[in-house]
Amino acid sequence: MNRTKHLDLADAAVRRAENLAGDIERAAAGGDSQGKVPRLAAAGALWADVARAHAAIAAATPETTPETADA
């Protein structure tokens, strides 16, 4: 996997975490703090961890250039 792919995966994971944060807000506003909120929060934290992991790998991976892509 190259740097760009890791950045794409990090971006996708951030979007999943953001979507779950919205779900948490709606569930909490609806009074469902004991039901869905803890499970959604755990899932959101997991996706945030996935995003951080892919971002860290991308940061440590050299950028692919046209000269190195063919090598």
Protein backbone atom coordinates (compact mmCIF):
# COMPACT_ATOMS: atom_id res chain seq x y z
CA MET A 1 0.00 0.00 0.00
CA ASN A 2 1.36 3.42 -0.87
CA ARG A 3 1.16 6.75 0.94
CA THR A 4 -1.82 7.97 -1.07
CA LYS A 5 -3.84 4.85 -0.27
CA HIS A 6 -3.14 5.27 3.46
CA LEU A 7 -4.22 8.92 3.27
CA ASP A 8 -7.41 7.88 1.46
CA LEU A 9 -8.13 5.26 4.12
CA ALA A 10 -7.44 7.78 6.89
CA ASP A 11 -9.85 10.22 5.26
CA ALA A 12 -12.55 7.56 4.96
CA ALA A 13 -12.10 6.56 8.59
CA VAL A 14 -12.37 10.19 9.71
CA ARG A 15 -15.64 10.50 7.79
CA ARG A 16 -16.96 7.36 9.51
CA ALA A 17 -15.99 8.79 12.92
CA GLU A 18 -17.65 12.12 12.05
CA ASN A 19 -20.84 10.38 10.98
CA LEU A 20 -20.90 8.40 14.21
CA ALA A 21 -20.39 11.61 16.20
CA GLY A 22 -23.52 12.99 14.57
CA ASP A 23 -25.38 9.79 15.39
CA ILE A 24 -24.25 10.10 19.02
CA GLU A 25 -25.50 13.70 19.23
CA ARG A 26 -28.89 12.72 17.84
CA ALA A 27 -29.20 9.70 20.14
CA ALA A 28 -28.19 11.74 23.19
CA ALA A 29 -30.60 14.55 22.29
CA GLY A 30 -33.33 11.95 21.96
CA GLY A 31 -32.73 10.73 25.51
CA ASP A 32 -31.10 7.44 24.50
CA SER A 33 -27.94 7.92 26.57
CA GLN A 34 -28.03 4.40 28.01
CA GLY A 35 -28.83 2.59 24.78
CA LYS A 36 -27.05 3.48 21.57
CA VAL A 37 -24.73 6.22 22.79
CA PRO A 38 -22.06 4.04 24.46
CA ARG A 39 -21.94 1.63 21.51
CA LEU A 40 -21.78 4.45 18.97
CA ALA A 41 -19.07 6.19 21.00
CA ALA A 42 -16.97 3.02 21.08
CA ALA A 43 -17.35 2.60 17.32
CA GLY A 44 -16.48 6.26 16.73
CA ALA A 45 -13.36 5.94 18.87
CA LEU A 46 -12.33 2.85 16.93
CA TRP A 47 -12.68 4.66 13.58
CA ALA A 48 -10.70 7.60 14.98
CA ASP A 49 -7.93 5.16 15.97
CA VAL A 50 -7.99 3.66 12.47
CA ALA A 51 -7.69 7.14 10.97
CA ARG A 52 -4.73 7.98 13.22
CA ALA A 53 -3.01 4.70 12.35
CA HIS A 54 -3.34 5.24 8.60
CA ALA A 55 -2.22 8.87 8.94
CA ALA A 56 0.86 7.80 10.91
CA ILE A 57 1.74 5.15 8.34
CA ALA A 58 1.28 7.68 5.53
CA ALA A 59 3.54 10.14 7.34
CA ALA A 60 6.26 7.49 7.58
CA THR A 61 5.87 6.34 3.96
CA PRO A 62 7.80 8.11 1.22
CA GLU A 63 5.68 9.92 -1.32
CA THR A 64 5.42 8.07 -4.62
CA THR A 65 6.74 10.01 -7.56
CA PRO A 66 6.53 9.07 -11.24
CA GLU A 67 10.24 8.13 -11.15
CA THR A 68 9.85 5.80 -8.14
CA ALA A 69 6.49 4.36 -9.15
CA ASP A 70 8.06 2.42 -12.00
CA ALA A 71 11.01 1.17 -9.95
